[in-house]
Amino acid sequence: MTSTPLTGPHDLVEAAGHPHGGGNMKPHYDDRLANEDLAPLRTQKWSSYNIFAFWMSDVHSVGGYVTAGSLFALGLQSWQVLVALIAGIVIVQVFANMVAKPSQKTGVPFPVINRVVFGIRGANIPAIIRGLIAIAWYGVQTFLAAESLNIVFLKFIPGSAALLDVSFAGLSALGWISYAILWTAQFLLFWNGMEVIRRFIDWAGPAVYLVMIVLAVYLVSQAGIENISFTLSTTQLDFWASIPVMFAAIALVVSYFSGPMLNFGDFARYGKSFAAVKKGNFWGLPINFVFFSLLTVITASATVPVFGDLITDPIATVERIDTPFAILLGGLTFVTATVGINIVANFISPAFDFSNVAPKKISWRAGGMIAAVGSTFLMPWNWYSNSDAIHYSLGVLGALIGPLFGILIAGYYFAARQRVKVDAMFTMDAAGPYWYRNGFNPNAVKAVIAAGVPTVAIAIFPKLFADLGLFNVSWVSDYSWFIGCGLGFVLFLLFEHLDPRVPTFDGETDGISDGTVDQADEAPATEAVPVLANTAPDAAGPREALA
C-alpha cells in the first residue's frame, strides 16, 4: 500500500488561500469540484461520544425546549407528550443512520455524496436548497441567543435599558450589540475549524444539561414533588381524540430535526467507523432525548404551581425566578445552547453547500461566511414573530427537505446499491459515470420537481385556504416531510426503473466504496482510519470499504 506523502497538492491549495480541511486532494481532481474541505478525508477520528455530543448540542436549544413544550398546547397530557417526543426521535435516529452511511463510508460531505445521485452539477440543487434554509435559521438562532444576552445586560447593567429606546432597521441598539457579540463569537468559533467546533460541542451539550437539571431541581423543590403532574394539559381531549394529535406531535418532532438530519453526513464523515456513528446516534437521540423530554415535562409542569402559569420557554422561566445568579447562569447557558445548535445545524451545512457550488473560489470558511453575512441582511427579528412570513417563505424551502432525503436514500441504497466510485465524484470528464446528461441526472431532477411541487402545495395551501375561510385541512401540512420523502423515494426509483442512470460498478473493486462491507467498523477505538479512494492497484487494502 502506498503511503500518503507529507507534502502534496493540499499544500498548494492551502497556500493559495483555501483552508486545510483534511481532505485528500489528489492531482487529478478537478479544482472546479474539489478543495481540501470537500475531498475525501485522510483520517476519520470522531468517536461515538463526539456524535453523541453533536446531538446534545442540537437538542439543547431554546427552540428545542419551546418546540417540546408547545406540544402541551395541542391538548396532550404530559405522558402523551413524552410518548410523542420519544417516538419522533426514534424515527429521526433511523433516518439519521441512513443518511450517515454514504458520507461516513466515502469520507465526503452531504453535497458531494449527492453527486452520485444528482450528477456532478446537479448536486448543487440539494446543496443550495439546504444552504438557503440554513441561512434563514442561522439568523433566527443568533437573534434568539441575543435575546438571552439582553436579559443579562438589563439585569447587571441597568443603564443598558436606555438602549432599548434607540432602534435601527427594526432592532434596538441593545439588540444590535448583543447580536454583534454573538455573531462575532460564532464567527471566531467557526473560523478555527472542525476540530475546535468538535471540542466546543463536546463541552457545550453536557454544560447545558447540568444547568437544566439544576433548574428542574430548583423548580421541583419550590413546587413540591407531589405537585408535579404527568397528566397536565391545557385543553381536555379524550383518548381517541388525542391519537391523531399525538401523530401530529410525532411529525412535528421529525420536522424539527429534518434540517440537521438531511445534512448529517457533514458530521458522520468524520466518524472513525459507521458502527461508532450508529452508537453515537443511539446515545444522542433516543437515550439523550428521553432524558431531555423528562426534563422538559418536569420543568414545564413545575411552572404551574410555582408561577401560576404554564411556561414552556426556559428563558421566560429564568426571568420569572428573578435572582441575579439565576439570570446570569440561565442567560449564558441558553446563549451557549443556541450557539451550539447554530454551529452544527446552520453554519456547517451552508459552509459545505456553498463551497460545493464553486470549490475553487469558495472555501469552507468562505461558504460559512456567506451564510453568516446573508442571515444578517435577512433581518430575522422583523419576520420571526410573524408566523405567516415563516410559513410562506421557509415553508416552501422546508417542504423540499423531504423529497431531497427520499431521493438520496433511494439513489444510494437502491439505485447505486451502496457502491460508489469515489474519485469519479471529482471529475468533469463527460465520460465519467456521474456526468449523466451535462452533469445532471435527469431522473433526480424530475423526481425533485414531481415530488417537490405537491409537497410545497401541501405545506402552503391548506393554511391559505383556512385563512380565507374556505375549508380547514391544515392538519395535512403536519405530514409534509413524510409525504415529500415518500414521493421523492418512489418517484426516483420509478424513473430509474424506466430509464436506469445510476451505475453500480458490478464486478469492480478498485476505488469503490462498498457500503455493504463492514471491515472498517471493526477498527480499534484509538486508530485513525484513512479513507482510501485511490484507483491504483497498490492502494487496495483491508479498508477499501472506506474508499
Protein backbone atom coordinates (compact mmCIF):
# COMPACT_ATOMS: atom_id res chain seq x y z
CA MET A 1 0.00 0.00 0.00
CA THR A 2 1.34 3.42 -0.86
CA SER A 3 1.71 5.94 1.91
CA THR A 4 0.36 9.48 1.75
CA PRO A 5 3.19 11.96 1.10
CA LEU A 6 3.86 14.58 3.74
CA THR A 7 3.58 17.30 1.12
CA GLY A 8 1.40 17.43 -1.91
CA PRO A 9 -1.41 19.22 -3.69
CA HIS A 10 -3.13 20.09 -0.40
CA ASP A 11 -0.17 22.35 0.46
CA LEU A 12 -0.67 24.27 -2.77
CA VAL A 13 -4.39 24.66 -2.07
CA GLU A 14 -3.73 25.98 1.42
CA ALA A 15 -1.01 28.34 0.16
CA ALA A 16 -3.49 29.68 -2.38
CA GLY A 17 -5.73 30.90 0.42
CA HIS A 18 -8.01 27.94 0.99
CA PRO A 19 -8.09 26.43 4.50
CA HIS A 20 -6.64 22.98 5.00
CA GLY A 21 -9.69 20.83 5.60
CA GLY A 22 -8.11 17.40 5.96
CA GLY A 23 -9.22 16.15 2.56
CA ASN A 24 -7.04 14.04 0.27
CA MET A 25 -6.73 16.41 -2.73
CA LYS A 26 -5.37 14.19 -5.50
CA PRO A 27 -3.60 15.72 -8.51
CA HIS A 28 -6.25 14.51 -10.96
CA TYR A 29 -9.19 16.01 -9.01
CA ASP A 30 -10.79 18.87 -10.94
CA ASP A 31 -10.50 22.09 -8.93
CA ARG A 32 -13.99 23.04 -10.11
CA LEU A 33 -15.26 20.16 -7.96
CA ALA A 34 -12.74 19.74 -5.16
CA ASN A 35 -10.82 21.52 -2.45
CA GLU A 36 -9.34 20.45 0.88
CA ASP A 37 -12.77 20.64 2.53
CA LEU A 38 -14.76 18.60 0.01
CA ALA A 39 -12.22 15.88 -0.87
CA PRO A 40 -12.39 12.51 0.94
CA LEU A 41 -10.90 12.76 4.42
CA ARG A 42 -7.40 11.46 5.04
CA THR A 43 -8.37 10.26 8.51
CA GLN A 44 -11.68 9.81 10.31
CA LYS A 45 -11.25 10.19 14.06
CA TRP A 46 -14.60 11.12 15.65
CA SER A 47 -15.73 8.70 18.34
CA SER A 48 -19.28 7.79 19.32
CA TYR A 49 -19.04 10.38 22.12
CA ASN A 50 -18.35 13.12 19.58
CA ILE A 51 -21.50 12.16 17.67
CA PHE A 52 -23.42 11.93 20.96
CA ALA A 53 -22.24 15.44 21.89
CA PHE A 54 -23.30 16.70 18.45
CA TRP A 55 -26.86 15.64 19.13
CA MET A 56 -26.75 17.07 22.64
CA SER A 57 -25.89 20.46 21.14
CA ASP A 58 -28.60 20.03 18.53
CA VAL A 59 -31.27 19.17 21.10
CA HIS A 60 -30.43 21.71 23.82
CA SER A 61 -31.54 24.96 22.27
CA VAL A 62 -34.23 27.38 23.32
CA GLY A 63 -36.11 26.36 20.17
CA GLY A 64 -35.89 22.71 21.19
CA TYR A 65 -37.41 23.33 24.61
CA VAL A 66 -40.09 25.62 23.21
CA THR A 67 -40.98 23.08 20.50
CA ALA A 68 -41.24 20.26 23.03
CA GLY A 69 -43.18 22.46 25.45
CA SER A 70 -45.55 23.62 22.70
CA LEU A 71 -46.93 20.10 22.46
CA PHE A 72 -48.90 20.86 25.62
CA ALA A 73 -50.88 23.43 23.63
CA LEU A 74 -52.10 20.64 21.35
CA GLY A 75 -54.22 19.27 24.18
CA LEU A 76 -51.96 16.35 25.08
CA GLN A 77 -51.35 15.16 28.60
CA SER A 78 -47.78 15.03 29.84
CA TRP A 79 -47.37 11.29 29.36
CA GLN A 80 -48.65 11.64 25.79
CA VAL A 81 -46.17 14.47 25.14
CA LEU A 82 -43.40 12.19 26.41
CA VAL A 83 -44.51 9.30 24.17
CA ALA A 84 -44.73 11.59 21.12
CA LEU A 85 -41.26 13.02 21.76
CA ILE A 86 -39.69 9.57 22.11
CA ALA A 87 -41.50 8.08 19.09
CA GLY A 88 -40.49 11.04 16.95
CA ILE A 89 -36.84 10.85 17.95
CA VAL A 90 -36.62 7.10 17.24
CA ILE A 91 -37.77 7.88 13.69
CA VAL A 92 -35.08 10.58 13.49
CA GLN A 93 -32.48 8.04 14.67
CA VAL A 94 -33.38 5.58 11.91
CA PHE A 95 -33.22 8.22 9.20
CA ALA A 96 -30.02 9.77 10.61
CA ASN A 97 -28.31 6.38 10.39
CA MET A 98 -29.43 6.04 6.78
CA VAL A 99 -28.13 9.43 5.67
CA ALA A 100 -24.90 8.99 7.67
CA LYS A 101 -23.68 5.83 5.98
CA PRO A 102 -22.81 7.10 2.47
CA SER A 103 -20.81 10.04 3.85
CA GLN A 104 -19.02 8.00 6.53
CA LYS A 105 -18.09 5.27 4.07
CA THR A 106 -16.75 7.70 1.46
CA GLY A 107 -15.46 10.45 3.78
CA VAL A 108 -17.24 13.23 1.85
CA PRO A 109 -19.85 15.78 2.99
CA PHE A 110 -23.54 15.89 2.08
CA PRO A 111 -23.34 17.95 -1.15
CA VAL A 112 -20.56 15.76 -2.57
CA ILE A 113 -22.28 12.43 -1.97
CA ASN A 114 -25.29 13.87 -3.79
CA ARG A 115 -23.18 13.91 -6.97
CA VAL A 116 -23.74 10.15 -7.13
CA VAL A 117 -27.49 10.63 -7.35
CA PHE A 118 -27.99 14.10 -8.87
CA GLY A 119 -24.88 14.27 -11.04
CA ILE A 120 -21.70 16.30 -10.81
CA ARG A 121 -23.51 19.59 -11.38
CA GLY A 122 -26.97 18.52 -10.26
CA ALA A 123 -25.73 18.08 -6.68
CA ASN A 124 -25.89 21.86 -6.36
CA ILE A 125 -29.71 21.61 -6.34
CA PRO A 126 -29.95 20.00 -2.85
CA ALA A 127 -26.88 21.94 -1.69
CA ILE A 128 -28.35 25.36 -2.49
CA ILE A 129 -31.78 24.50 -1.07
CA ARG A 130 -30.27 23.26 2.20
CA GLY A 131 -27.89 26.24 2.32
CA LEU A 132 -30.68 28.80 1.92
CA ILE A 133 -32.70 27.19 4.72
CA ALA A 134 -29.63 27.30 6.97
CA ILE A 135 -29.01 31.00 6.22
CA ALA A 136 -32.51 31.92 7.37
CA TRP A 137 -32.39 29.86 10.54
CA TYR A 138 -28.85 30.91 11.36
CA GLY A 139 -30.11 34.47 11.71
CA VAL A 140 -33.10 33.37 13.77
CA GLN A 141 -30.99 31.35 16.22
CA THR A 142 -28.45 34.17 16.57
CA PHE A 143 -31.32 36.57 17.30
CA LEU A 144 -32.74 34.21 19.94
CA ALA A 145 -29.33 33.92 21.59
CA ALA A 146 -29.06 37.73 21.54
CA GLU A 147 -32.40 37.95 23.34
CA SER A 148 -30.94 35.80 26.13
CA LEU A 149 -27.89 38.04 26.30
CA ASN A 150 -30.14 41.11 26.52
CA ILE A 151 -31.59 39.76 29.74
CA VAL A 152 -28.13 39.55 31.29
CA PHE A 153 -27.28 43.11 30.22
CA LEU A 154 -30.56 44.51 31.57
CA LYS A 155 -30.12 42.77 34.92
CA PHE A 156 -26.48 43.65 35.57
CA ILE A 157 -26.16 46.94 33.64
CA PRO A 158 -29.41 48.82 34.38
CA GLY A 159 -28.32 51.74 32.22
CA SER A 160 -28.48 49.49 29.15
CA ALA A 161 -32.28 49.79 29.27
CA ALA A 162 -31.90 53.20 27.60
CA LEU A 163 -30.57 51.39 24.53
CA LEU A 164 -33.96 49.79 24.06
CA ASP A 165 -35.39 53.17 23.08
CA VAL A 166 -32.98 53.55 20.17
CA SER A 167 -33.53 51.31 17.17
CA PHE A 168 -32.24 50.74 13.66
CA ALA A 169 -33.78 48.52 10.97
CA GLY A 170 -36.31 47.20 13.47
CA LEU A 171 -33.82 46.15 16.17
CA SER A 172 -32.95 48.11 19.30
CA ALA A 173 -29.41 49.34 19.92
CA LEU A 174 -29.07 46.83 22.76
CA GLY A 175 -30.32 44.10 20.42
CA TRP A 176 -27.70 45.08 17.84
CA ILE A 177 -24.95 44.96 20.47
CA SER A 178 -25.99 41.50 21.68
CA TYR A 179 -26.46 40.27 18.12
CA ALA A 180 -23.00 41.55 17.13
CA ILE A 181 -21.38 39.88 20.15
CA LEU A 182 -22.99 36.52 19.33
CA TRP A 183 -22.34 36.85 15.60
CA THR A 184 -18.64 37.52 16.26
CA ALA A 185 -18.33 34.71 18.81
CA GLN A 186 -19.80 32.19 16.37
CA PHE A 187 -17.59 33.52 13.58
CA LEU A 188 -14.44 33.01 15.68
CA LEU A 189 -15.53 29.52 16.71
CA PHE A 190 -16.27 28.53 13.12
CA TRP A 191 -13.10 30.13 11.73
CA ASN A 192 -10.92 27.88 13.87
CA GLY A 193 -12.18 24.79 12.08
CA MET A 194 -13.97 21.50 12.73
CA GLU A 195 -11.61 20.31 15.45
CA VAL A 196 -12.31 23.37 17.60
CA ILE A 197 -16.03 23.02 16.86
CA ARG A 198 -15.85 19.37 17.93
CA ARG A 199 -14.25 20.37 21.25
CA PHE A 200 -16.89 23.07 21.76
CA ILE A 201 -19.86 20.75 21.26
CA ASP A 202 -18.17 18.10 23.42
CA TRP A 203 -18.32 20.65 26.25
CA ALA A 204 -21.46 22.65 25.47
CA GLY A 205 -24.00 19.82 25.50
CA PRO A 206 -23.14 18.49 28.98
CA ALA A 207 -22.87 22.05 30.35
CA VAL A 208 -26.41 22.90 29.23
CA TYR A 209 -27.65 19.61 30.63
CA LEU A 210 -26.18 20.45 34.03
CA VAL A 211 -27.90 23.83 34.18
CA MET A 212 -31.26 22.41 33.05
CA ILE A 213 -31.02 19.75 35.77
CA VAL A 214 -30.31 22.47 38.34
CA LEU A 215 -33.30 24.47 37.05
CA ALA A 216 -35.58 21.43 37.22
CA VAL A 217 -34.42 20.53 40.75
CA TYR A 218 -34.96 24.12 41.91
CA LEU A 219 -38.48 24.32 40.46
CA VAL A 220 -39.47 20.93 41.87
CA SER A 221 -38.17 21.94 45.31
CA GLN A 222 -40.30 25.09 45.12
CA ALA A 223 -43.39 23.33 43.79
CA GLY A 224 -43.16 20.19 45.91
CA ILE A 225 -42.69 16.89 44.16
CA GLU A 226 -46.28 15.92 44.91
CA ASN A 227 -47.44 18.80 42.69
CA ILE A 228 -45.54 17.62 39.58
CA SER A 229 -48.22 16.32 37.26
CA PHE A 230 -47.77 13.96 34.35
CA THR A 231 -51.40 14.44 33.31
CA LEU A 232 -51.01 18.17 32.74
CA SER A 233 -52.92 19.51 29.77
CA THR A 234 -54.03 22.95 28.67
CA THR A 235 -57.14 21.53 27.00
CA GLN A 236 -59.01 18.30 27.52
CA LEU A 237 -59.12 15.64 24.82
CA ASP A 238 -60.46 12.15 25.28
CA PHE A 239 -58.17 9.24 24.46
CA TRP A 240 -59.37 8.61 20.90
CA ALA A 241 -59.40 12.31 20.03
CA SER A 242 -55.81 12.59 21.24
CA ILE A 243 -54.49 9.85 18.90
CA PRO A 244 -54.34 11.98 15.71
CA VAL A 245 -52.92 14.83 17.77
CA MET A 246 -50.14 12.54 19.00
CA PHE A 247 -49.32 11.59 15.41
CA ALA A 248 -49.15 15.29 14.55
CA ALA A 249 -46.80 15.82 17.51
CA ILE A 250 -44.56 12.98 16.31
CA ALA A 251 -44.48 14.56 12.85
CA LEU A 252 -43.56 17.90 14.45
CA VAL A 253 -40.53 16.33 16.18
CA VAL A 254 -39.30 14.78 12.93
CA SER A 255 -39.85 18.04 11.04
CA TYR A 256 -37.94 19.99 13.70
CA PHE A 257 -34.85 17.81 13.17
CA SER A 258 -35.29 17.42 9.41
CA GLY A 259 -32.66 20.06 8.54
CA PRO A 260 -29.68 18.71 10.51
CA MET A 261 -30.86 15.17 9.73
CA LEU A 262 -30.64 15.82 5.97
CA ASN A 263 -27.03 17.05 6.07
CA PHE A 264 -25.92 14.82 8.96
CA GLY A 265 -23.39 13.34 6.54
CA ASP A 266 -21.37 16.56 7.01
CA PHE A 267 -20.58 15.25 10.51
CA ALA A 268 -20.87 11.50 10.03
CA ARG A 269 -17.99 11.69 7.51
CA TYR A 270 -15.65 12.31 10.48
CA GLY A 271 -16.77 9.14 12.30
CA LYS A 272 -13.97 6.58 12.63
CA SER A 273 -16.44 3.85 11.69
CA PHE A 274 -20.11 3.54 10.82
CA ALA A 275 -20.56 1.49 13.99
CA ALA A 276 -19.25 4.45 16.03
CA VAL A 277 -21.69 6.78 14.27
CA LYS A 278 -24.63 4.47 14.95
CA LYS A 279 -23.62 4.14 18.60
CA GLY A 280 -23.36 7.92 18.91
CA ASN A 281 -26.79 8.29 17.30
CA PHE A 282 -28.29 5.79 19.74
CA TRP A 283 -26.99 7.62 22.80
CA GLY A 284 -27.51 11.06 21.31
CA LEU A 285 -31.04 10.57 20.05
CA PRO A 286 -33.37 8.14 21.88
CA ILE A 287 -31.38 7.92 25.15
CA ASN A 288 -30.43 11.60 25.30
CA PHE A 289 -33.89 12.66 24.16
CA VAL A 290 -35.69 10.58 26.79
CA PHE A 291 -33.81 12.47 29.48
CA PHE A 292 -34.34 15.78 27.66
CA SER A 293 -38.06 15.02 27.37
CA LEU A 294 -38.36 14.20 31.06
CA LEU A 295 -36.60 17.46 31.94
CA THR A 296 -38.93 19.38 29.63
CA VAL A 297 -42.09 17.80 31.06
CA ILE A 298 -40.98 18.15 34.69
CA THR A 299 -39.79 21.75 34.27
CA ALA A 300 -42.94 22.81 32.42
CA SER A 301 -45.18 21.03 34.95
CA ALA A 302 -43.40 22.70 37.87
CA THR A 303 -44.01 26.20 36.48
CA VAL A 304 -47.75 25.86 37.13
CA PRO A 305 -47.61 25.53 40.94
CA VAL A 306 -44.57 27.84 41.22
CA PHE A 307 -45.67 30.72 38.96
CA GLY A 308 -49.37 30.02 38.42
CA ASP A 309 -48.91 29.68 34.65
CA LEU A 310 -47.67 27.01 32.26
CA ILE A 311 -44.34 28.31 30.91
CA THR A 312 -42.65 26.35 28.12
CA ASP A 313 -39.93 28.90 27.27
CA PRO A 314 -36.88 28.35 29.53
CA ILE A 315 -35.76 31.97 29.11
CA ALA A 316 -39.13 33.16 30.42
CA THR A 317 -38.82 30.67 33.28
CA VAL A 318 -35.42 32.05 34.32
CA GLU A 319 -36.76 35.61 34.10
CA ARG A 320 -39.60 34.72 36.48
CA ILE A 321 -37.11 33.39 39.04
CA ASP A 322 -35.61 36.90 39.02
CA THR A 323 -32.46 36.33 41.03
CA PRO A 324 -29.13 37.70 39.72
CA PHE A 325 -27.34 34.34 39.82
CA ALA A 326 -30.20 32.50 38.07
CA ILE A 327 -30.43 35.11 35.32
CA LEU A 328 -26.66 35.15 34.78
CA LEU A 329 -26.33 31.37 34.74
CA GLY A 330 -29.51 30.78 32.75
CA GLY A 331 -28.86 33.56 30.23
CA LEU A 332 -25.30 32.47 29.48
CA THR A 333 -26.36 28.83 29.34
CA PHE A 334 -29.07 29.48 26.78
CA VAL A 335 -26.62 31.57 24.79
CA THR A 336 -24.22 28.61 24.79
CA ALA A 337 -27.03 26.22 23.85
CA THR A 338 -28.19 28.35 20.95
CA VAL A 339 -24.65 28.89 19.66
CA GLY A 340 -24.17 25.12 19.80
CA ILE A 341 -27.18 24.30 17.64
CA ASN A 342 -26.47 27.21 15.33
CA ILE A 343 -22.96 26.00 14.59
CA VAL A 344 -23.94 22.37 14.00
CA ALA A 345 -27.23 22.94 12.18
CA ASN A 346 -26.91 26.26 10.39
CA PHE A 347 -23.21 27.08 9.91
CA ILE A 348 -21.53 23.82 8.91
CA SER A 349 -24.19 22.94 6.34
CA PRO A 350 -24.02 26.11 4.19
CA ALA A 351 -20.23 26.10 4.55
CA PHE A 352 -20.05 22.81 2.65
CA ASP A 353 -23.06 23.58 0.45
CA PHE A 354 -21.80 26.88 -0.94
CA SER A 355 -18.24 25.59 -1.23
CA ASN A 356 -19.65 22.80 -3.38
CA VAL A 357 -21.03 25.36 -5.85
CA ALA A 358 -17.58 26.80 -6.65
CA PRO A 359 -14.82 24.93 -4.75
CA LYS A 360 -12.03 26.84 -6.47
CA LYS A 361 -13.39 30.22 -5.32
CA ILE A 362 -15.37 29.36 -2.18
CA SER A 363 -13.63 27.54 0.65
CA TRP A 364 -15.44 26.00 3.60
CA ARG A 365 -14.79 29.15 5.64
CA ALA A 366 -15.98 31.40 2.83
CA GLY A 367 -19.16 29.33 2.49
CA GLY A 368 -19.86 29.74 6.18
CA MET A 369 -19.28 33.48 5.98
CA ILE A 370 -21.77 33.77 3.12
CA ALA A 371 -24.36 32.24 5.43
CA ALA A 372 -23.44 34.43 8.40
CA VAL A 373 -23.47 37.70 6.45
CA GLY A 374 -26.55 36.75 4.45
CA SER A 375 -28.50 35.90 7.60
CA THR A 376 -27.96 39.41 8.96
CA PHE A 377 -29.23 41.06 5.78
CA LEU A 378 -32.42 39.00 6.12
CA MET A 379 -33.06 40.81 9.44
CA PRO A 380 -34.77 37.82 11.10
CA TRP A 381 -36.03 39.90 14.02
CA ASN A 382 -38.52 41.57 11.66
CA TRP A 383 -40.18 38.40 10.43
CA TYR A 384 -39.52 35.72 13.06
CA SER A 385 -42.55 36.77 15.12
CA ASN A 386 -44.75 36.68 12.00
CA SER A 387 -45.98 33.12 11.61
CA ASP A 388 -47.31 33.83 8.11
CA ALA A 389 -43.91 35.10 6.95
CA ILE A 390 -42.20 31.95 8.21
CA HIS A 391 -44.88 29.70 6.77
CA TYR A 392 -44.94 31.16 3.28
CA SER A 393 -41.19 31.76 2.90
CA LEU A 394 -39.38 28.99 4.75
CA GLY A 395 -42.33 26.69 4.22
CA VAL A 396 -41.53 26.46 0.52
CA LEU A 397 -37.87 25.57 1.09
CA GLY A 398 -38.54 23.40 4.14
CA ALA A 399 -41.09 21.34 2.23
CA LEU A 400 -38.32 20.27 -0.17
CA ILE A 401 -36.23 18.65 2.57
CA GLY A 402 -38.42 15.53 2.50
CA PRO A 403 -38.11 14.92 -1.28
CA LEU A 404 -34.34 15.52 -1.16
CA PHE A 405 -33.98 12.98 1.63
CA GLY A 406 -36.10 10.39 -0.16
CA ILE A 407 -34.15 10.79 -3.40
CA LEU A 408 -30.75 10.49 -1.67
CA ILE A 409 -31.78 7.32 0.17
CA ALA A 410 -33.32 5.75 -2.95
CA GLY A 411 -30.27 6.66 -5.00
CA TYR A 412 -27.60 5.37 -2.63
CA TYR A 413 -29.23 2.27 -1.13
CA PHE A 414 -31.25 1.01 -4.10
CA ALA A 415 -30.09 2.52 -7.40
CA ALA A 416 -26.34 2.52 -6.59
CA ARG A 417 -26.62 -0.48 -4.22
CA GLN A 418 -24.29 1.32 -1.79
CA ARG A 419 -21.43 1.19 -4.32
CA VAL A 420 -19.71 4.50 -5.08
CA LYS A 421 -16.65 5.25 -7.21
CA VAL A 422 -15.19 7.98 -5.03
CA ASP A 423 -12.70 9.50 -7.47
CA ALA A 424 -15.44 9.79 -10.10
CA MET A 425 -17.21 12.39 -7.94
CA PHE A 426 -14.34 14.79 -8.61
CA THR A 427 -14.03 14.74 -12.39
CA MET A 428 -15.70 16.90 -15.04
CA ASP A 429 -14.96 14.29 -17.70
CA ALA A 430 -18.09 13.90 -19.82
CA ALA A 431 -17.31 10.17 -19.95
CA GLY A 432 -17.39 9.91 -16.14
CA PRO A 433 -20.08 7.74 -14.54
CA TYR A 434 -21.68 10.66 -12.66
CA TRP A 435 -21.74 13.11 -15.55
CA TYR A 436 -25.11 11.75 -16.73
CA ARG A 437 -26.53 14.46 -19.03
CA ASN A 438 -24.46 17.68 -18.93
CA GLY A 439 -23.68 16.97 -15.28
CA PHE A 440 -27.31 16.38 -14.25
CA ASN A 441 -29.11 13.12 -13.61
CA PRO A 442 -32.47 13.78 -15.33
CA ASN A 443 -34.19 11.21 -13.10
CA ALA A 444 -33.20 13.08 -9.93
CA VAL A 445 -34.19 16.45 -11.38
CA LYS A 446 -37.57 15.10 -12.47
CA ALA A 447 -38.09 13.49 -9.05
CA VAL A 448 -37.36 16.78 -7.25
CA ILE A 449 -39.91 18.60 -9.38
CA ALA A 450 -42.54 15.85 -9.36
CA ALA A 451 -42.27 15.32 -5.58
CA GLY A 452 -41.50 18.93 -4.67
CA VAL A 453 -44.49 20.63 -6.33
CA PRO A 454 -47.20 18.64 -4.48
CA THR A 455 -45.23 18.73 -1.23
CA VAL A 456 -44.87 22.52 -1.38
CA ALA A 457 -48.58 22.75 -2.20
CA ILE A 458 -49.42 20.57 0.81
CA ALA A 459 -47.26 22.75 3.04
CA ILE A 460 -48.65 26.07 1.79
CA PHE A 461 -52.21 25.89 0.51
CA PRO A 462 -54.10 24.25 3.41
CA LYS A 463 -53.19 27.21 5.64
CA LEU A 464 -54.07 29.65 2.86
CA PHE A 465 -57.48 28.03 2.39
CA ALA A 466 -58.11 28.10 6.14
CA ASP A 467 -57.08 31.76 6.38
CA LEU A 468 -59.51 32.58 3.56
CA GLY A 469 -62.30 30.80 5.44
CA LEU A 470 -62.84 28.20 2.71
CA PHE A 471 -62.13 24.87 4.45
CA ASN A 472 -59.65 23.67 7.02
CA VAL A 473 -57.44 20.72 6.16
CA SER A 474 -54.33 22.33 7.64
CA TRP A 475 -53.59 19.12 9.55
CA VAL A 476 -52.20 17.59 6.33
CA SER A 477 -49.33 20.13 6.37
CA ASP A 478 -48.00 18.48 9.53
CA TYR A 479 -47.03 15.48 7.43
CA SER A 480 -45.39 17.32 4.52
CA TRP A 481 -41.94 15.89 5.35
CA PHE A 482 -43.20 12.30 5.31
CA ILE A 483 -45.24 12.85 2.16
CA GLY A 484 -42.32 14.54 0.39
CA CYS A 485 -39.85 11.87 1.48
CA GLY A 486 -42.13 9.08 0.28
CA LEU A 487 -42.86 10.77 -3.04
CA GLY A 488 -39.18 11.51 -3.69
CA PHE A 489 -38.21 7.94 -2.85
CA VAL A 490 -40.88 6.26 -5.00
CA LEU A 491 -40.66 8.62 -7.97
CA PHE A 492 -36.87 8.44 -8.22
CA LEU A 493 -36.94 4.64 -8.17
CA LEU A 494 -39.72 4.69 -10.77
CA PHE A 495 -37.73 6.96 -13.09
CA GLU A 496 -34.60 4.83 -12.57
CA HIS A 497 -36.59 1.70 -13.37
CA LEU A 498 -37.86 3.21 -16.63
CA ASP A 499 -34.51 4.74 -17.59
CA PRO A 500 -31.60 3.44 -15.45
CA ARG A 501 -28.87 6.01 -14.93
CA VAL A 502 -27.06 5.41 -11.63
CA PRO A 503 -24.15 2.94 -12.08
CA THR A 504 -23.49 0.09 -9.66
CA PHE A 505 -19.97 -0.90 -10.86
CA ASP A 506 -20.72 -4.61 -10.64
CA GLY A 507 -17.52 -6.63 -10.70
CA GLU A 508 -15.24 -3.65 -9.98
CA THR A 509 -13.25 -3.30 -6.75
CA ASP A 510 -10.54 -0.66 -7.25
CA GLY A 511 -11.55 2.74 -5.87
CA ILE A 512 -15.04 1.50 -5.00
CA SER A 513 -16.65 2.29 -1.66
CA ASP A 514 -18.94 -0.63 -0.89
CA GLY A 515 -21.33 0.21 1.94
CA THR A 516 -22.24 -3.47 2.32
CA VAL A 517 -18.71 -4.31 3.52
CA ASP A 518 -18.21 -3.87 7.27
CA GLN A 519 -14.50 -4.42 7.87
CA ALA A 520 -13.93 -0.76 8.74
CA ASP A 521 -16.44 -0.97 11.57
CA GLU A 522 -14.05 -3.22 13.48
CA ALA A 523 -11.31 -0.57 13.75
CA PRO A 524 -9.79 -0.19 17.22
CA ALA A 525 -11.10 2.81 19.18
CA THR A 526 -7.75 4.60 19.12
CA GLU A 527 -6.97 4.04 15.45
CA ALA A 528 -7.32 6.79 12.87
CA VAL A 529 -8.91 5.20 9.82
CA PRO A 530 -7.64 6.54 6.48
CA VAL A 531 -10.10 6.97 3.67
CA LEU A 532 -8.73 5.24 0.59
CA ALA A 533 -10.15 6.41 -2.70
CA ASN A 534 -7.20 5.52 -4.91
CA THR A 535 -7.82 3.72 -8.15
CA ALA A 536 -4.26 2.40 -8.38
CA PRO A 537 -3.99 -1.35 -7.69
CA ASP A 538 -1.47 -0.83 -4.87
CA ALA A 539 -3.98 1.35 -3.00
CA ALA A 540 -6.30 -1.54 -2.25
CA GLY A 541 -6.19 -2.88 1.26
CA PRO A 542 -8.22 -4.11 4.18
CA ARG A 543 -10.09 -0.80 4.46
CA GLU A 544 -11.17 -0.32 0.88
CA ALA A 545 -14.75 -0.19 2.12
CA LEU A 546 -13.99 3.35 3.23
CA ALA A 547 -12.79 4.33 -0.23
